[in-house]
Amino acid sequence: MNKNKTHCRAVGDRVFIRLDVEKTATDGGIFLPEDYAAERTTGVVESVGAKVRSVHCGDRVLFHVFDELPGYDKGVVVVREASILGVFENDD
């Protein structure tokens, strides 16, 4: 077991989401200032509680930003299943 990596399992209707990487430039190539703080509302599901039925580990999801709680890692947030707005089908 790797002692440097934290493993945590979601319970109930909770979902742990690893946030997408913060953008440093726009899609057109314009660099964003360091103090630019856009809300990140997409990420990949890392763990789901036993009551969660609509998403699975590995799904890339869109969630309501104001319902998140900080997770065990600064790149992870915790939301209730009801806060997930959608699952991306094809993420090319």
PDB file of N, CA and C in Angstrom:
ATOM      1  N   MET A   1       0.837  -1.184   0.000  1.00  0.00           N
ATOM      2  CA  MET A   1       0.000   0.000   0.000  1.00  0.00           C
ATOM      3  C   MET A   1       0.878   1.242   0.000  1.00  0.00           C
ATOM      4  N   ASN A   2       0.524   2.200  -0.830  1.00  0.00           N
ATOM      5  CA  ASN A   2       1.255   3.456  -0.925  1.00  0.00           C
ATOM      6  C   ASN A   2       0.803   4.372   0.208  1.00  0.00           C
ATOM      7  N   LYS A   3       1.685   4.718   1.117  1.00  0.00           N
ATOM      8  CA  LYS A   3       1.330   5.533   2.273  1.00  0.00           C
ATOM      9  C   LYS A   3       1.131   7.004   1.921  1.00  0.00           C
ATOM     10  N   ASN A   4       1.601   7.444   0.745  1.00  0.00           N
ATOM     11  CA  ASN A   4       1.498   8.841   0.360  1.00  0.00           C
ATOM     12  C   ASN A   4       0.171   9.187  -0.293  1.00  0.00           C
ATOM     13  N   LYS A   5      -0.633   8.214  -0.673  1.00  0.00           N
ATOM     14  CA  LYS A   5      -1.872   8.482  -1.369  1.00  0.00           C
ATOM     15  C   LYS A   5      -3.054   8.180  -0.444  1.00  0.00           C
ATOM     16  N   THR A   6      -3.959   9.149  -0.336  1.00  0.00           N
ATOM     17  CA  THR A   6      -5.131   8.992   0.509  1.00  0.00           C
ATOM     18  C   THR A   6      -6.243   8.312  -0.282  1.00  0.00           C
ATOM     19  N   HIS A   7      -6.870   7.340   0.323  1.00  0.00           N
ATOM     20  CA  HIS A   7      -8.022   6.686  -0.288  1.00  0.00           C
ATOM     21  C   HIS A   7      -9.213   6.949   0.610  1.00  0.00           C
ATOM     22  N   CYS A   8     -10.290   7.374   0.018  1.00  0.00           N
ATOM     23  CA  CYS A   8     -11.483   7.667   0.783  1.00  0.00           C
ATOM     24  C   CYS A   8     -12.676   7.178  -0.019  1.00  0.00           C
ATOM     25  N   ARG A   9     -13.666   6.594   0.653  1.00  0.00           N
ATOM     26  CA  ARG A   9     -14.844   6.030  -0.001  1.00  0.00           C
ATOM     27  C   ARG A   9     -16.046   6.872   0.359  1.00  0.00           C
ATOM     28  N   ALA A  10     -16.814   7.264  -0.665  1.00  0.00           N
ATOM     29  CA  ALA A  10     -18.029   8.038  -0.432  1.00  0.00           C
ATOM     30  C   ALA A  10     -19.095   7.138   0.206  1.00  0.00           C
ATOM     31  N   VAL A  11     -19.990   7.748   0.971  1.00  0.00           N
ATOM     32  CA  VAL A  11     -21.074   7.001   1.606  1.00  0.00           C
ATOM     33  C   VAL A  11     -22.418   7.659   1.288  1.00  0.00           C
ATOM     34  N   GLY A  12     -23.488   6.891   1.479  1.00  0.00           N
ATOM     35  CA  GLY A  12     -24.842   7.414   1.281  1.00  0.00           C
ATOM     36  C   GLY A  12     -25.064   7.894  -0.138  1.00  0.00           C
ATOM     37  N   ASP A  13     -25.567   9.124  -0.273  1.00  0.00           N
ATOM     38  CA  ASP A  13     -25.836   9.694  -1.599  1.00  0.00           C
ATOM     39  C   ASP A  13     -24.746  10.656  -2.042  1.00  0.00           C
ATOM     40  N   ARG A  14     -23.569  10.529  -1.474  1.00  0.00           N
ATOM     41  CA  ARG A  14     -22.451  11.428  -1.787  1.00  0.00           C
ATOM     42  C   ARG A  14     -21.639  10.911  -2.974  1.00  0.00           C
ATOM     43  N   VAL A  15     -21.044  11.868  -3.691  1.00  0.00           N
ATOM     44  CA  VAL A  15     -20.189  11.564  -4.834  1.00  0.00           C
ATOM     45  C   VAL A  15     -18.920  12.391  -4.696  1.00  0.00           C
ATOM     46  N   PHE A  16     -17.757  11.757  -4.825  1.00  0.00           N
ATOM     47  CA  PHE A  16     -16.477  12.458  -4.821  1.00  0.00           C
ATOM     48  C   PHE A  16     -16.083  12.703  -6.263  1.00  0.00           C
ATOM     49  N   ILE A  17     -15.771  13.958  -6.585  1.00  0.00           N
ATOM     50  CA  ILE A  17     -15.437  14.345  -7.956  1.00  0.00           C
ATOM     51  C   ILE A  17     -14.058  14.996  -7.976  1.00  0.00           C
ATOM     52  N   ARG A  18     -13.172  14.471  -8.821  1.00  0.00           N
ATOM     53  CA  ARG A  18     -11.860  15.092  -9.035  1.00  0.00           C
ATOM     54  C   ARG A  18     -12.063  16.163 -10.096  1.00  0.00           C
ATOM     55  N   LEU A  19     -11.815  17.423  -9.712  1.00  0.00           N
ATOM     56  CA  LEU A  19     -12.042  18.554 -10.599  1.00  0.00           C
ATOM     57  C   LEU A  19     -11.114  18.531 -11.803  1.00  0.00           C
ATOM     58  N   ASP A  20     -11.641  19.040 -12.933  1.00  0.00           N
ATOM     59  CA  ASP A  20     -10.798  19.212 -14.112  1.00  0.00           C
ATOM     60  C   ASP A  20      -9.685  20.196 -13.787  1.00  0.00           C
ATOM     61  N   VAL A  21      -8.592  20.108 -14.491  1.00  0.00           N
ATOM     62  CA  VAL A  21      -7.442  20.984 -14.292  1.00  0.00           C
ATOM     63  C   VAL A  21      -7.844  22.418 -14.630  1.00  0.00           C
ATOM     64  N   GLU A  22      -7.369  23.354 -13.802  1.00  0.00           N
ATOM     65  CA  GLU A  22      -7.661  24.765 -14.043  1.00  0.00           C
ATOM     66  C   GLU A  22      -7.033  25.217 -15.348  1.00  0.00           C
ATOM     67  N   LYS A  23      -7.787  26.020 -16.091  1.00  0.00           N
ATOM     68  CA  LYS A  23      -7.272  26.539 -17.358  1.00  0.00           C
ATOM     69  C   LYS A  23      -6.292  27.678 -17.096  1.00  0.00           C
ATOM     70  N   THR A  24      -5.210  27.700 -17.874  1.00  0.00           N
ATOM     71  CA  THR A  24      -4.251  28.795 -17.805  1.00  0.00           C
ATOM     72  C   THR A  24      -4.339  29.667 -19.058  1.00  0.00           C
ATOM     73  N   ALA A  25      -5.109  29.180 -20.063  1.00  0.00           N
ATOM     74  CA  ALA A  25      -5.306  29.940 -21.301  1.00  0.00           C
ATOM     75  C   ALA A  25      -6.683  29.589 -21.868  1.00  0.00           C
ATOM     76  N   THR A  26      -7.218  30.480 -22.672  1.00  0.00           N
ATOM     77  CA  THR A  26      -8.493  30.207 -23.336  1.00  0.00           C
ATOM     78  C   THR A  26      -8.263  29.229 -24.476  1.00  0.00           C
ATOM     79  N   ASP A  27      -9.341  28.710 -25.048  1.00  0.00           N
ATOM     80  CA  ASP A  27      -9.221  27.807 -26.185  1.00  0.00           C
ATOM     81  C   ASP A  27      -8.562  28.496 -27.376  1.00  0.00           C
ATOM     82  N   GLY A  28      -8.677  29.819 -27.455  1.00  0.00           N
ATOM     83  CA  GLY A  28      -8.058  30.590 -28.531  1.00  0.00           C
ATOM     84  C   GLY A  28      -6.598  30.924 -28.283  1.00  0.00           C
ATOM     85  N   GLY A  29      -6.056  30.569 -27.101  1.00  0.00           N
ATOM     86  CA  GLY A  29      -4.641  30.781 -26.817  1.00  0.00           C
ATOM     87  C   GLY A  29      -4.317  31.998 -25.986  1.00  0.00           C
ATOM     88  N   ILE A  30      -5.328  32.719 -25.519  1.00  0.00           N
ATOM     89  CA  ILE A  30      -5.076  33.902 -24.689  1.00  0.00           C
ATOM     90  C   ILE A  30      -4.794  33.436 -23.263  1.00  0.00           C
ATOM     91  N   PHE A  31      -3.658  33.875 -22.713  1.00  0.00           N
ATOM     92  CA  PHE A  31      -3.291  33.483 -21.359  1.00  0.00           C
ATOM     93  C   PHE A  31      -4.161  34.207 -20.336  1.00  0.00           C
ATOM     94  N   LEU A  32      -4.608  33.468 -19.335  1.00  0.00           N
ATOM     95  CA  LEU A  32      -5.439  34.037 -18.283  1.00  0.00           C
ATOM     96  C   LEU A  32      -4.550  34.524 -17.141  1.00  0.00           C
ATOM     97  N   PRO A  33      -4.914  35.633 -16.490  1.00  0.00           N
ATOM     98  CA  PRO A  33      -4.103  36.108 -15.362  1.00  0.00           C
ATOM     99  C   PRO A  33      -4.140  35.105 -14.208  1.00  0.00           C
ATOM    100  N   GLU A  34      -3.102  35.123 -13.389  1.00  0.00           N
ATOM    101  CA  GLU A  34      -3.016  34.178 -12.276  1.00  0.00           C
ATOM    102  C   GLU A  34      -4.159  34.322 -11.289  1.00  0.00           C
ATOM    103  N   ASP A  35      -4.716  35.528 -11.149  1.00  0.00           N
ATOM    104  CA  ASP A  35      -5.803  35.740 -10.196  1.00  0.00           C
ATOM    105  C   ASP A  35      -7.183  35.445 -10.794  1.00  0.00           C
ATOM    106  N   TYR A  36      -7.228  34.940 -12.036  1.00  0.00           N
ATOM    107  CA  TYR A  36      -8.494  34.550 -12.659  1.00  0.00           C
ATOM    108  C   TYR A  36      -8.994  33.300 -11.959  1.00  0.00           C
ATOM    109  N   ALA A  37     -10.195  33.361 -11.434  1.00  0.00           N
ATOM    110  CA  ALA A  37     -10.721  32.228 -10.664  1.00  0.00           C
ATOM    111  C   ALA A  37     -12.106  31.837 -11.170  1.00  0.00           C
ATOM    112  N   ALA A  38     -12.140  31.096 -12.245  1.00  0.00           N
ATOM    113  CA  ALA A  38     -13.414  30.598 -12.766  1.00  0.00           C
ATOM    114  C   ALA A  38     -13.843  29.404 -11.925  1.00  0.00           C
ATOM    115  N   GLU A  39     -15.120  29.301 -11.687  1.00  0.00           N
ATOM    116  CA  GLU A  39     -15.632  28.149 -10.946  1.00  0.00           C
ATOM    117  C   GLU A  39     -15.516  26.904 -11.819  1.00  0.00           C
ATOM    118  N   ARG A  40     -14.923  25.870 -11.274  1.00  0.00           N
ATOM    119  CA  ARG A  40     -14.813  24.610 -12.014  1.00  0.00           C
ATOM    120  C   ARG A  40     -16.028  23.763 -11.667  1.00  0.00           C
ATOM    121  N   THR A  41     -16.778  23.384 -12.671  1.00  0.00           N
ATOM    122  CA  THR A  41     -18.025  22.642 -12.447  1.00  0.00           C
ATOM    123  C   THR A  41     -18.040  21.307 -13.162  1.00  0.00           C
ATOM    124  N   THR A  42     -16.883  20.852 -13.615  1.00  0.00           N
ATOM    125  CA  THR A  42     -16.790  19.553 -14.260  1.00  0.00           C
ATOM    126  C   THR A  42     -15.649  18.766 -13.653  1.00  0.00           C
ATOM    127  N   GLY A  43     -15.771  17.456 -13.731  1.00  0.00           N
ATOM    128  CA  GLY A  43     -14.718  16.597 -13.209  1.00  0.00           C
ATOM    129  C   GLY A  43     -15.066  15.141 -13.409  1.00  0.00           C
ATOM    130  N   VAL A  44     -14.208  14.277 -12.890  1.00  0.00           N
ATOM    131  CA  VAL A  44     -14.369  12.834 -13.032  1.00  0.00           C
ATOM    132  C   VAL A  44     -14.723  12.236 -11.674  1.00  0.00           C
ATOM    133  N   VAL A  45     -15.732  11.376 -11.664  1.00  0.00           N
ATOM    134  CA  VAL A  45     -16.195  10.734 -10.429  1.00  0.00           C
ATOM    135  C   VAL A  45     -15.133   9.763  -9.934  1.00  0.00           C
ATOM    136  N   GLU A  46     -14.727   9.938  -8.676  1.00  0.00           N
ATOM    137  CA  GLU A  46     -13.734   9.053  -8.060  1.00  0.00           C
ATOM    138  C   GLU A  46     -14.361   7.997  -7.158  1.00  0.00           C
ATOM    139  N   SER A  47     -15.471   8.350  -6.504  1.00  0.00           N
ATOM    140  CA  SER A  47     -16.109   7.409  -5.586  1.00  0.00           C
ATOM    141  C   SER A  47     -17.585   7.757  -5.466  1.00  0.00           C
ATOM    142  N   VAL A  48     -18.423   6.739  -5.327  1.00  0.00           N
ATOM    143  CA  VAL A  48     -19.859   6.960  -5.149  1.00  0.00           C
ATOM    144  C   VAL A  48     -20.346   6.191  -3.929  1.00  0.00           C
ATOM    145  N   GLY A  49     -21.319   6.774  -3.228  1.00  0.00           N
ATOM    146  CA  GLY A  49     -21.915   6.107  -2.081  1.00  0.00           C
ATOM    147  C   GLY A  49     -22.876   5.009  -2.508  1.00  0.00           C
ATOM    148  N   ALA A  50     -23.278   4.185  -1.571  1.00  0.00           N
ATOM    149  CA  ALA A  50     -24.138   3.029  -1.853  1.00  0.00           C
ATOM    150  C   ALA A  50     -25.513   3.411  -2.392  1.00  0.00           C
ATOM    151  N   LYS A  51     -26.006   4.605  -2.080  1.00  0.00           N
ATOM    152  CA  LYS A  51     -27.334   5.022  -2.546  1.00  0.00           C
ATOM    153  C   LYS A  51     -27.322   5.687  -3.921  1.00  0.00           C
ATOM    154  N   VAL A  52     -26.144   5.917  -4.489  1.00  0.00           N
ATOM    155  CA  VAL A  52     -26.023   6.608  -5.780  1.00  0.00           C
ATOM    156  C   VAL A  52     -26.306   5.621  -6.910  1.00  0.00           C
ATOM    157  N   ARG A  53     -27.213   6.009  -7.811  1.00  0.00           N
ATOM    158  CA  ARG A  53     -27.610   5.119  -8.905  1.00  0.00           C
ATOM    159  C   ARG A  53     -27.339   5.700 -10.295  1.00  0.00           C
ATOM    160  N   SER A  54     -27.186   7.032 -10.410  1.00  0.00           N
ATOM    161  CA  SER A  54     -27.136   7.635 -11.738  1.00  0.00           C
ATOM    162  C   SER A  54     -25.728   7.848 -12.298  1.00  0.00           C
ATOM    163  N   VAL A  55     -24.703   7.757 -11.478  1.00  0.00           N
ATOM    164  CA  VAL A  55     -23.330   7.927 -11.966  1.00  0.00           C
ATOM    165  C   VAL A  55     -22.446   6.823 -11.406  1.00  0.00           C
ATOM    166  N   HIS A  56     -21.315   6.620 -12.089  1.00  0.00           N
ATOM    167  CA  HIS A  56     -20.379   5.568 -11.697  1.00  0.00           C
ATOM    168  C   HIS A  56     -18.967   6.134 -11.690  1.00  0.00           C
ATOM    169  N   CYS A  57     -18.065   5.470 -11.016  1.00  0.00           N
ATOM    170  CA  CYS A  57     -16.666   5.883 -11.009  1.00  0.00           C
ATOM    171  C   CYS A  57     -16.163   5.960 -12.443  1.00  0.00           C
ATOM    172  N   GLY A  58     -15.428   7.022 -12.738  1.00  0.00           N
ATOM    173  CA  GLY A  58     -14.888   7.213 -14.074  1.00  0.00           C
ATOM    174  C   GLY A  58     -15.750   8.084 -14.970  1.00  0.00           C
ATOM    175  N   ASP A  59     -17.018   8.326 -14.607  1.00  0.00           N
ATOM    176  CA  ASP A  59     -17.885   9.202 -15.402  1.00  0.00           C
ATOM    177  C   ASP A  59     -17.389  10.638 -15.294  1.00  0.00           C
ATOM    178  N   ARG A  60     -17.448  11.370 -16.395  1.00  0.00           N
ATOM    179  CA  ARG A  60     -17.137  12.809 -16.375  1.00  0.00           C
ATOM    180  C   ARG A  60     -18.465  13.528 -16.251  1.00  0.00           C
ATOM    181  N   VAL A  61     -18.587  14.381 -15.233  1.00  0.00           N
ATOM    182  CA  VAL A  61     -19.880  14.978 -14.900  1.00  0.00           C
ATOM    183  C   VAL A  61     -19.828  16.500 -14.817  1.00  0.00           C
ATOM    184  N   LEU A  62     -21.015  17.088 -14.908  1.00  0.00           N
ATOM    185  CA  LEU A  62     -21.243  18.515 -14.690  1.00  0.00           C
ATOM    186  C   LEU A  62     -22.056  18.601 -13.410  1.00  0.00           C
ATOM    187  N   PHE A  63     -21.659  19.491 -12.490  1.00  0.00           N
ATOM    188  CA  PHE A  63     -22.379  19.581 -11.222  1.00  0.00           C
ATOM    189  C   PHE A  63     -22.636  21.030 -10.852  1.00  0.00           C
ATOM    190  N   HIS A  64     -23.564  21.235  -9.957  1.00  0.00           N
ATOM    191  CA  HIS A  64     -23.939  22.565  -9.473  1.00  0.00           C
ATOM    192  C   HIS A  64     -22.858  23.044  -8.520  1.00  0.00           C
ATOM    193  N   VAL A  65     -22.207  24.141  -8.853  1.00  0.00           N
ATOM    194  CA  VAL A  65     -21.026  24.600  -8.133  1.00  0.00           C
ATOM    195  C   VAL A  65     -21.308  24.997  -6.681  1.00  0.00           C
ATOM    196  N   PHE A  66     -22.495  25.477  -6.365  1.00  0.00           N
ATOM    197  CA  PHE A  66     -22.753  25.966  -5.014  1.00  0.00           C
ATOM    198  C   PHE A  66     -23.110  24.862  -4.028  1.00  0.00           C
ATOM    199  N   ASP A  67     -23.209  23.618  -4.492  1.00  0.00           N
ATOM    200  CA  ASP A  67     -23.538  22.499  -3.619  1.00  0.00           C
ATOM    201  C   ASP A  67     -22.322  21.696  -3.191  1.00  0.00           C
ATOM    202  N   GLU A  68     -21.140  22.097  -3.606  1.00  0.00           N
ATOM    203  CA  GLU A  68     -19.948  21.308  -3.325  1.00  0.00           C
ATOM    204  C   GLU A  68     -19.388  21.573  -1.932  1.00  0.00           C
ATOM    205  N   LEU A  69     -18.742  20.573  -1.399  1.00  0.00           N
ATOM    206  CA  LEU A  69     -17.993  20.677  -0.145  1.00  0.00           C
ATOM    207  C   LEU A  69     -16.556  20.289  -0.438  1.00  0.00           C
ATOM    208  N   PRO A  70     -15.591  20.834   0.287  1.00  0.00           N
ATOM    209  CA  PRO A  70     -14.205  20.428   0.051  1.00  0.00           C
ATOM    210  C   PRO A  70     -14.028  18.955   0.385  1.00  0.00           C
ATOM    211  N   GLY A  71     -13.168  18.289  -0.369  1.00  0.00           N
ATOM    212  CA  GLY A  71     -12.903  16.872  -0.149  1.00  0.00           C
ATOM    213  C   GLY A  71     -11.624  16.656   0.627  1.00  0.00           C
ATOM    214  N   TYR A  72     -11.127  15.450   0.582  1.00  0.00           N
ATOM    215  CA  TYR A  72      -9.920  15.074   1.310  1.00  0.00           C
ATOM    216  C   TYR A  72      -8.657  15.572   0.622  1.00  0.00           C
ATOM    217  N   ASP A  73      -8.817  16.134  -0.563  1.00  0.00           N
ATOM    218  CA  ASP A  73      -7.710  16.625  -1.383  1.00  0.00           C
ATOM    219  C   ASP A  73      -8.204  17.925  -2.007  1.00  0.00           C
ATOM    220  N   LYS A  74      -7.339  18.911  -2.230  1.00  0.00           N
ATOM    221  CA  LYS A  74      -7.828  20.194  -2.732  1.00  0.00           C
ATOM    222  C   LYS A  74      -8.377  20.106  -4.151  1.00  0.00           C
ATOM    223  N   GLY A  75      -8.070  19.061  -4.884  1.00  0.00           N
ATOM    224  CA  GLY A  75      -8.601  18.865  -6.230  1.00  0.00           C
ATOM    225  C   GLY A  75      -9.866  18.028  -6.263  1.00  0.00           C
ATOM    226  N   VAL A  76     -10.383  17.664  -5.085  1.00  0.00           N
ATOM    227  CA  VAL A  76     -11.576  16.814  -5.000  1.00  0.00           C
ATOM    228  C   VAL A  76     -12.675  17.551  -4.250  1.00  0.00           C
ATOM    229  N   VAL A  77     -13.909  17.462  -4.759  1.00  0.00           N
ATOM    230  CA  VAL A  77     -15.064  18.021  -4.061  1.00  0.00           C
ATOM    231  C   VAL A  77     -16.061  16.898  -3.796  1.00  0.00           C
ATOM    232  N   VAL A  78     -16.945  17.149  -2.833  1.00  0.00           N
ATOM    233  CA  VAL A  78     -17.985  16.199  -2.475  1.00  0.00           C
ATOM    234  C   VAL A  78     -19.330  16.851  -2.754  1.00  0.00           C
ATOM    235  N   VAL A  79     -20.197  16.153  -3.477  1.00  0.00           N
ATOM    236  CA  VAL A  79     -21.547  16.653  -3.745  1.00  0.00           C
ATOM    237  C   VAL A  79     -22.546  15.526  -3.507  1.00  0.00           C
ATOM    238  N   ARG A  80     -23.789  15.912  -3.319  1.00  0.00           N
ATOM    239  CA  ARG A  80     -24.862  14.917  -3.269  1.00  0.00           C
ATOM    240  C   ARG A  80     -25.216  14.534  -4.704  1.00  0.00           C
ATOM    241  N   GLU A  81     -25.734  13.348  -4.880  1.00  0.00           N
ATOM    242  CA  GLU A  81     -26.099  12.886  -6.223  1.00  0.00           C
ATOM    243  C   GLU A  81     -27.041  13.871  -6.908  1.00  0.00           C
ATOM    244  N   ALA A  82     -27.964  14.473  -6.161  1.00  0.00           N
ATOM    245  CA  ALA A  82     -28.935  15.418  -6.726  1.00  0.00           C
ATOM    246  C   ALA A  82     -28.276  16.670  -7.299  1.00  0.00           C
ATOM    247  N   SER A  83     -27.042  16.966  -6.916  1.00  0.00           N
ATOM    248  CA  SER A  83     -26.338  18.142  -7.411  1.00  0.00           C
ATOM    249  C   SER A  83     -25.664  17.907  -8.760  1.00  0.00           C
ATOM    250  N   ILE A  84     -25.656  16.659  -9.215  1.00  0.00           N
ATOM    251  CA  ILE A  84     -25.067  16.362 -10.514  1.00  0.00           C
ATOM    252  C   ILE A  84     -26.099  16.674 -11.591  1.00  0.00           C
ATOM    253  N   LEU A  85     -25.711  17.559 -12.511  1.00  0.00           N
ATOM    254  CA  LEU A  85     -26.628  18.039 -13.533  1.00  0.00           C
ATOM    255  C   LEU A  85     -26.580  17.193 -14.801  1.00  0.00           C
ATOM    256  N   GLY A  86     -25.475  16.509 -15.044  1.00  0.00           N
ATOM    257  CA  GLY A  86     -25.380  15.703 -16.247  1.00  0.00           C
ATOM    258  C   GLY A  86     -24.100  14.897 -16.310  1.00  0.00           C
ATOM    259  N   VAL A  87     -24.106  13.894 -17.198  1.00  0.00           N
ATOM    260  CA  VAL A  87     -22.947  13.046 -17.442  1.00  0.00           C
ATOM    261  C   VAL A  87     -22.570  13.229 -18.903  1.00  0.00           C
ATOM    262  N   PHE A  88     -21.303  13.527 -19.163  1.00  0.00           N
ATOM    263  CA  PHE A  88     -20.833  13.673 -20.539  1.00  0.00           C
ATOM    264  C   PHE A  88     -20.774  12.299 -21.184  1.00  0.00           C
ATOM    265  N   GLU A  89     -21.384  12.180 -22.369  1.00  0.00           N
ATOM    266  CA  GLU A  89     -21.419  10.903 -23.067  1.00  0.00           C
ATOM    267  C   GLU A  89     -20.124  10.637 -23.844  1.00  0.00           C
ATOM    268  N   ASN A  90     -19.747  11.566 -24.712  1.00  0.00           N
ATOM    269  CA  ASN A  90     -18.518  11.432 -25.511  1.00  0.00           C
ATOM    270  C   ASN A  90     -17.664  12.635 -25.233  1.00  0.00           C
ATOM    271  N   ASP A  91     -16.526  12.423 -24.616  1.00  0.00           N
ATOM    272  CA  ASP A  91     -15.642  13.513 -24.219  1.00  0.00           C
ATOM    273  C   ASP A  91     -14.360  13.451 -25.016  1.00  0.00           C
ATOM    274  N   ASP A  92     -14.433  13.784 -26.305  1.00  0.00           N
ATOM    275  CA  ASP A  92     -13.254  13.717 -27.181  1.00  0.00           C
ATOM    276  C   ASP A  92     -12.484  14.997 -27.151  1.00  0.00           C
TER     277      ASP A  92
END
